[in-house]
Amino acid sequence: MAIYTKTGDKGETSLANGSRVPKTDVRVEAYGTVDELNSWIGLLACKLQISPDKAKQPLTEQLSWLQNKLFNLGAELSAAPGEWIQEADVKQVEAWIDAMQGEIPRQKGFLLPAGSEEACRCHVCRTVCRRAERRMIDAQASEVALRFINRLSDYMFVLSRYVTYLQNKQEIEWKKDISV
């Protein structure tokens, strides 16, 4: 079977419910951004250099779980029938956030995306996640889906701090007035 169908050659695509929409449709923008986020998370997982004995959290397993949930979210945004994201998914992400926050020092100020390559990749995921959230609002995503993506951006921020902590790197605080 060929990967190409030629059905999108004129700028339209099909949603999961069979309806045809322009590729610029808000739903396509939303699930396309979620797909981009999924790719960034995959790259983060490939680059995550934390020894298993140091991290109390199975981070690569968490990221794999999140990637699968993002596929579910894409199905929901593509108008596939069914409930794809559940409140239990939101609670799971919150539990991971709470566990990581229990191990890292209290945050004292605004932080720059810095510290290590892995921490910066977390911040890229966080910012793409925020864009996905904005697109999902435009697409009138369900409330639970919006809570999930919102928590996911929080997770990525806390994960950046957790990774920085586990790597014994220093967080870099924002300084309003800095000279060279």
C-alpha atoms as a PDB file:
ATOM      1  CA  MET A   1       0.000   0.000   0.000  1.00  0.00           C
ATOM      2  CA  ALA A   2       1.358   3.407  -0.939  1.00  0.00           C
ATOM      3  CA  ILE A   3       1.821   6.021   1.774  1.00  0.00           C
ATOM      4  CA  TYR A   4       0.491   8.698  -0.522  1.00  0.00           C
ATOM      5  CA  THR A   5      -3.221   8.954  -1.219  1.00  0.00           C
ATOM      6  CA  LYS A   6      -3.265  12.175  -3.268  1.00  0.00           C
ATOM      7  CA  THR A   7      -6.517  13.139  -1.489  1.00  0.00           C
ATOM      8  CA  GLY A   8      -4.805  16.104   0.173  1.00  0.00           C
ATOM      9  CA  ASP A   9      -3.202  17.544  -2.937  1.00  0.00           C
ATOM     10  CA  LYS A  10      -5.669  20.429  -3.080  1.00  0.00           C
ATOM     11  CA  GLY A  11      -5.224  21.543   0.521  1.00  0.00           C
ATOM     12  CA  GLU A  12      -7.907  19.463   2.214  1.00  0.00           C
ATOM     13  CA  THR A  13      -7.765  16.532   4.602  1.00  0.00           C
ATOM     14  CA  SER A  14     -10.229  14.159   6.220  1.00  0.00           C
ATOM     15  CA  LEU A  15     -11.097  14.188   9.894  1.00  0.00           C
ATOM     16  CA  ALA A  16     -11.680  10.896  11.680  1.00  0.00           C
ATOM     17  CA  ASN A  17     -15.435  11.333  11.272  1.00  0.00           C
ATOM     18  CA  GLY A  18     -15.016  11.402   7.474  1.00  0.00           C
ATOM     19  CA  SER A  19     -15.643  15.112   6.945  1.00  0.00           C
ATOM     20  CA  ARG A  20     -13.282  17.009   4.651  1.00  0.00           C
ATOM     21  CA  VAL A  21     -11.757  20.251   5.925  1.00  0.00           C
ATOM     22  CA  PRO A  22      -9.038  22.643   4.777  1.00  0.00           C
ATOM     23  CA  LYS A  23      -5.591  21.771   6.118  1.00  0.00           C
ATOM     24  CA  THR A  24      -5.680  25.180   7.816  1.00  0.00           C
ATOM     25  CA  ASP A  25      -8.781  24.232   9.837  1.00  0.00           C
ATOM     26  CA  VAL A  26      -8.457  24.904  13.589  1.00  0.00           C
ATOM     27  CA  ARG A  27      -8.811  21.196  14.362  1.00  0.00           C
ATOM     28  CA  VAL A  28      -6.002  20.296  11.970  1.00  0.00           C
ATOM     29  CA  GLU A  29      -3.856  23.050  13.484  1.00  0.00           C
ATOM     30  CA  ALA A  30      -4.600  21.689  16.951  1.00  0.00           C
ATOM     31  CA  TYR A  31      -3.834  18.024  16.288  1.00  0.00           C
ATOM     32  CA  GLY A  32      -0.877  18.988  14.094  1.00  0.00           C
ATOM     33  CA  THR A  33       0.638  20.922  16.995  1.00  0.00           C
ATOM     34  CA  VAL A  34      -0.052  18.005  19.337  1.00  0.00           C
ATOM     35  CA  ASP A  35       1.759  15.767  16.818  1.00  0.00           C
ATOM     36  CA  GLU A  36       4.706  18.193  16.811  1.00  0.00           C
ATOM     37  CA  LEU A  37       4.770  18.086  20.614  1.00  0.00           C
ATOM     38  CA  ASN A  38       4.775  14.294  20.480  1.00  0.00           C
ATOM     39  CA  SER A  39       7.830  14.390  18.222  1.00  0.00           C
ATOM     40  CA  TRP A  40       9.664  16.761  20.563  1.00  0.00           C
ATOM     41  CA  ILE A  41       8.867  14.488  23.525  1.00  0.00           C
ATOM     42  CA  GLY A  42      10.258  11.537  21.553  1.00  0.00           C
ATOM     43  CA  LEU A  43      13.478  13.463  20.949  1.00  0.00           C
ATOM     44  CA  LEU A  44      13.633  14.405  24.631  1.00  0.00           C
ATOM     45  CA  ALA A  45      13.238  10.746  25.617  1.00  0.00           C
ATOM     46  CA  CYS A  46      16.081   9.753  23.269  1.00  0.00           C
ATOM     47  CA  LYS A  47      18.364  12.358  24.816  1.00  0.00           C
ATOM     48  CA  LEU A  48      17.432  11.922  28.460  1.00  0.00           C
ATOM     49  CA  GLN A  49      20.680  11.015  30.202  1.00  0.00           C
ATOM     50  CA  ILE A  50      19.636  10.176  33.759  1.00  0.00           C
ATOM     51  CA  SER A  51      20.928   7.017  35.377  1.00  0.00           C
ATOM     52  CA  PRO A  52      18.025   4.802  36.532  1.00  0.00           C
ATOM     53  CA  ASP A  53      19.393   4.600  40.083  1.00  0.00           C
ATOM     54  CA  LYS A  54      19.400   8.399  40.399  1.00  0.00           C
ATOM     55  CA  ALA A  55      15.843   9.093  39.211  1.00  0.00           C
ATOM     56  CA  LYS A  56      13.151   7.776  41.517  1.00  0.00           C
ATOM     57  CA  GLN A  57      10.702   8.404  38.686  1.00  0.00           C
ATOM     58  CA  PRO A  58      10.819   6.147  35.594  1.00  0.00           C
ATOM     59  CA  LEU A  59      11.072   9.176  33.301  1.00  0.00           C
ATOM     60  CA  THR A  60      11.303   7.453  29.927  1.00  0.00           C
ATOM     61  CA  GLU A  61       8.267   5.330  30.844  1.00  0.00           C
ATOM     62  CA  GLN A  62       6.367   8.497  31.754  1.00  0.00           C
ATOM     63  CA  LEU A  63       7.316  10.102  28.453  1.00  0.00           C
ATOM     64  CA  SER A  64       6.224   7.006  26.514  1.00  0.00           C
ATOM     65  CA  TRP A  65       2.873   7.039  28.350  1.00  0.00           C
ATOM     66  CA  LEU A  66       2.480  10.730  27.515  1.00  0.00           C
ATOM     67  CA  GLN A  67       3.247  10.093  23.846  1.00  0.00           C
ATOM     68  CA  ASN A  68       0.493   7.478  23.692  1.00  0.00           C
ATOM     69  CA  LYS A  69      -1.927   9.871  25.399  1.00  0.00           C
ATOM     70  CA  LEU A  70      -1.012  12.562  22.868  1.00  0.00           C
ATOM     71  CA  PHE A  71      -2.041  10.155  20.088  1.00  0.00           C
ATOM     72  CA  ASN A  72      -5.354   9.749  21.929  1.00  0.00           C
ATOM     73  CA  LEU A  73      -5.653  13.521  22.130  1.00  0.00           C
ATOM     74  CA  GLY A  74      -5.000  13.780  18.396  1.00  0.00           C
ATOM     75  CA  ALA A  75      -7.801  11.290  17.761  1.00  0.00           C
ATOM     76  CA  GLU A  76     -10.140  13.361  19.916  1.00  0.00           C
ATOM     77  CA  LEU A  77      -9.178  16.566  18.119  1.00  0.00           C
ATOM     78  CA  SER A  78      -9.699  14.824  14.769  1.00  0.00           C
ATOM     79  CA  ALA A  79     -13.331  14.228  15.753  1.00  0.00           C
ATOM     80  CA  ALA A  80     -12.973  10.481  16.292  1.00  0.00           C
ATOM     81  CA  PRO A  81     -15.956   9.245  18.303  1.00  0.00           C
ATOM     82  CA  GLY A  82     -15.289   8.267  21.891  1.00  0.00           C
ATOM     83  CA  GLU A  83     -13.734   9.641  25.040  1.00  0.00           C
ATOM     84  CA  TRP A  84     -10.013   9.667  24.386  1.00  0.00           C
ATOM     85  CA  ILE A  85      -8.680  11.693  27.304  1.00  0.00           C
ATOM     86  CA  GLN A  86      -9.957  10.943  30.792  1.00  0.00           C
ATOM     87  CA  GLU A  87      -9.847  12.785  34.107  1.00  0.00           C
ATOM     88  CA  ALA A  88      -7.646   9.934  35.369  1.00  0.00           C
ATOM     89  CA  ASP A  89      -5.044  10.994  32.782  1.00  0.00           C
ATOM     90  CA  VAL A  90      -4.988  14.511  34.235  1.00  0.00           C
ATOM     91  CA  LYS A  91      -4.641  13.064  37.754  1.00  0.00           C
ATOM     92  CA  GLN A  92      -1.730  10.868  36.644  1.00  0.00           C
ATOM     93  CA  VAL A  93       0.182  13.865  35.285  1.00  0.00           C
ATOM     94  CA  GLU A  94      -0.547  15.792  38.496  1.00  0.00           C
ATOM     95  CA  ALA A  95       0.797  12.882  40.567  1.00  0.00           C
ATOM     96  CA  TRP A  96       4.044  12.879  38.591  1.00  0.00           C
ATOM     97  CA  ILE A  97       4.374  16.649  39.006  1.00  0.00           C
ATOM     98  CA  ASP A  98       3.823  16.376  42.763  1.00  0.00           C
ATOM     99  CA  ALA A  99       6.373  13.551  43.080  1.00  0.00           C
ATOM    100  CA  MET A 100       9.055  15.486  41.210  1.00  0.00           C
ATOM    101  CA  GLN A 101       8.343  18.688  43.128  1.00  0.00           C
ATOM    102  CA  GLY A 102       8.784  16.762  46.356  1.00  0.00           C
ATOM    103  CA  GLU A 103      12.409  16.100  45.417  1.00  0.00           C
ATOM    104  CA  ILE A 104      13.598  19.421  44.018  1.00  0.00           C
ATOM    105  CA  PRO A 105      14.412  22.673  45.814  1.00  0.00           C
ATOM    106  CA  ARG A 106      11.752  25.358  46.097  1.00  0.00           C
ATOM    107  CA  GLN A 107      11.720  27.740  43.146  1.00  0.00           C
ATOM    108  CA  LYS A 108      12.760  31.279  44.076  1.00  0.00           C
ATOM    109  CA  GLY A 109      12.324  33.194  40.827  1.00  0.00           C
ATOM    110  CA  PHE A 110      11.647  32.987  37.121  1.00  0.00           C
ATOM    111  CA  LEU A 111      13.929  30.511  35.359  1.00  0.00           C
ATOM    112  CA  LEU A 112      15.545  30.685  31.962  1.00  0.00           C
ATOM    113  CA  PRO A 113      15.448  27.661  29.675  1.00  0.00           C
ATOM    114  CA  ALA A 114      19.004  26.589  30.538  1.00  0.00           C
ATOM    115  CA  GLY A 115      21.056  24.184  32.602  1.00  0.00           C
ATOM    116  CA  SER A 116      21.518  21.229  30.270  1.00  0.00           C
ATOM    117  CA  GLU A 117      20.476  20.059  26.834  1.00  0.00           C
ATOM    118  CA  GLU A 118      17.823  17.788  28.350  1.00  0.00           C
ATOM    119  CA  ALA A 119      16.380  20.593  30.493  1.00  0.00           C
ATOM    120  CA  CYS A 120      16.224  22.870  27.449  1.00  0.00           C
ATOM    121  CA  ARG A 121      14.458  20.148  25.468  1.00  0.00           C
ATOM    122  CA  CYS A 122      11.874  20.025  28.262  1.00  0.00           C
ATOM    123  CA  HIS A 123      11.348  23.763  27.788  1.00  0.00           C
ATOM    124  CA  VAL A 124      10.906  23.323  24.029  1.00  0.00           C
ATOM    125  CA  CYS A 125       8.253  20.693  24.808  1.00  0.00           C
ATOM    126  CA  ARG A 126       6.641  23.096  27.295  1.00  0.00           C
ATOM    127  CA  THR A 127       6.410  25.940  24.779  1.00  0.00           C
ATOM    128  CA  VAL A 128       5.053  23.711  22.000  1.00  0.00           C
ATOM    129  CA  CYS A 129       2.568  22.357  24.549  1.00  0.00           C
ATOM    130  CA  ARG A 130       1.397  25.904  25.300  1.00  0.00           C
ATOM    131  CA  ARG A 131       0.902  26.530  21.581  1.00  0.00           C
ATOM    132  CA  ALA A 132      -1.059  23.289  21.296  1.00  0.00           C
ATOM    133  CA  GLU A 133      -3.247  24.475  24.157  1.00  0.00           C
ATOM    134  CA  ARG A 134      -3.995  27.733  22.346  1.00  0.00           C
ATOM    135  CA  ARG A 135      -4.875  25.830  19.179  1.00  0.00           C
ATOM    136  CA  MET A 136      -7.083  23.472  21.189  1.00  0.00           C
ATOM    137  CA  ILE A 137      -8.983  26.428  22.625  1.00  0.00           C
ATOM    138  CA  ASP A 138      -9.607  27.641  19.069  1.00  0.00           C
ATOM    139  CA  ALA A 139     -10.798  24.134  18.171  1.00  0.00           C
ATOM    140  CA  GLN A 140     -13.146  24.068  21.184  1.00  0.00           C
ATOM    141  CA  ALA A 141     -11.548  20.980  22.672  1.00  0.00           C
ATOM    142  CA  SER A 142     -13.210  19.287  25.624  1.00  0.00           C
ATOM    143  CA  GLU A 143     -12.588  20.623  29.119  1.00  0.00           C
ATOM    144  CA  VAL A 144     -10.744  17.482  30.189  1.00  0.00           C
ATOM    145  CA  ALA A 145      -8.502  17.654  27.103  1.00  0.00           C
ATOM    146  CA  LEU A 146      -7.682  21.273  27.928  1.00  0.00           C
ATOM    147  CA  ARG A 147      -6.873  20.351  31.534  1.00  0.00           C
ATOM    148  CA  PHE A 148      -4.648  17.535  30.304  1.00  0.00           C
ATOM    149  CA  ILE A 149      -2.624  19.738  27.941  1.00  0.00           C
ATOM    150  CA  ASN A 150      -2.377  22.464  30.575  1.00  0.00           C
ATOM    151  CA  ARG A 151      -1.012  19.988  33.140  1.00  0.00           C
ATOM    152  CA  LEU A 152       1.348  18.603  30.537  1.00  0.00           C
ATOM    153  CA  SER A 153       2.983  22.010  30.103  1.00  0.00           C
ATOM    154  CA  ASP A 154       3.336  22.210  33.905  1.00  0.00           C
ATOM    155  CA  TYR A 155       4.834  18.707  33.864  1.00  0.00           C
ATOM    156  CA  MET A 156       7.406  19.744  31.261  1.00  0.00           C
ATOM    157  CA  PHE A 157       8.423  22.761  33.343  1.00  0.00           C
ATOM    158  CA  VAL A 158       8.810  20.678  36.500  1.00  0.00           C
ATOM    159  CA  LEU A 159      10.568  17.948  34.521  1.00  0.00           C
ATOM    160  CA  SER A 160      13.121  20.531  33.344  1.00  0.00           C
ATOM    161  CA  ARG A 161      13.785  21.446  36.969  1.00  0.00           C
ATOM    162  CA  TYR A 162      13.908  17.799  38.041  1.00  0.00           C
ATOM    163  CA  VAL A 163      16.353  16.879  35.274  1.00  0.00           C
ATOM    164  CA  THR A 164      18.536  19.865  36.164  1.00  0.00           C
ATOM    165  CA  TYR A 165      18.494  18.748  39.802  1.00  0.00           C
ATOM    166  CA  LEU A 166      19.339  15.108  38.988  1.00  0.00           C
ATOM    167  CA  GLN A 167      22.200  16.198  36.760  1.00  0.00           C
ATOM    168  CA  ASN A 168      23.610  18.442  39.505  1.00  0.00           C
ATOM    169  CA  LYS A 169      23.336  21.423  37.152  1.00  0.00           C
ATOM    170  CA  GLN A 170      22.432  24.922  38.188  1.00  0.00           C
ATOM    171  CA  GLU A 171      19.142  26.589  37.368  1.00  0.00           C
ATOM    172  CA  ILE A 172      19.619  29.991  35.786  1.00  0.00           C
ATOM    173  CA  GLU A 173      17.318  32.679  37.150  1.00  0.00           C
ATOM    174  CA  TRP A 174      16.061  35.530  35.025  1.00  0.00           C
ATOM    175  CA  LYS A 175      17.648  38.882  35.839  1.00  0.00           C
ATOM    176  CA  LYS A 176      15.725  41.946  34.775  1.00  0.00           C
ATOM    177  CA  ASP A 177      18.744  44.206  34.493  1.00  0.00           C
ATOM    178  CA  ILE A 178      21.833  42.374  33.389  1.00  0.00           C
ATOM    179  CA  SER A 179      24.920  43.841  31.842  1.00  0.00           C
ATOM    180  CA  VAL A 180      27.411  42.137  29.584  1.00  0.00           C
END
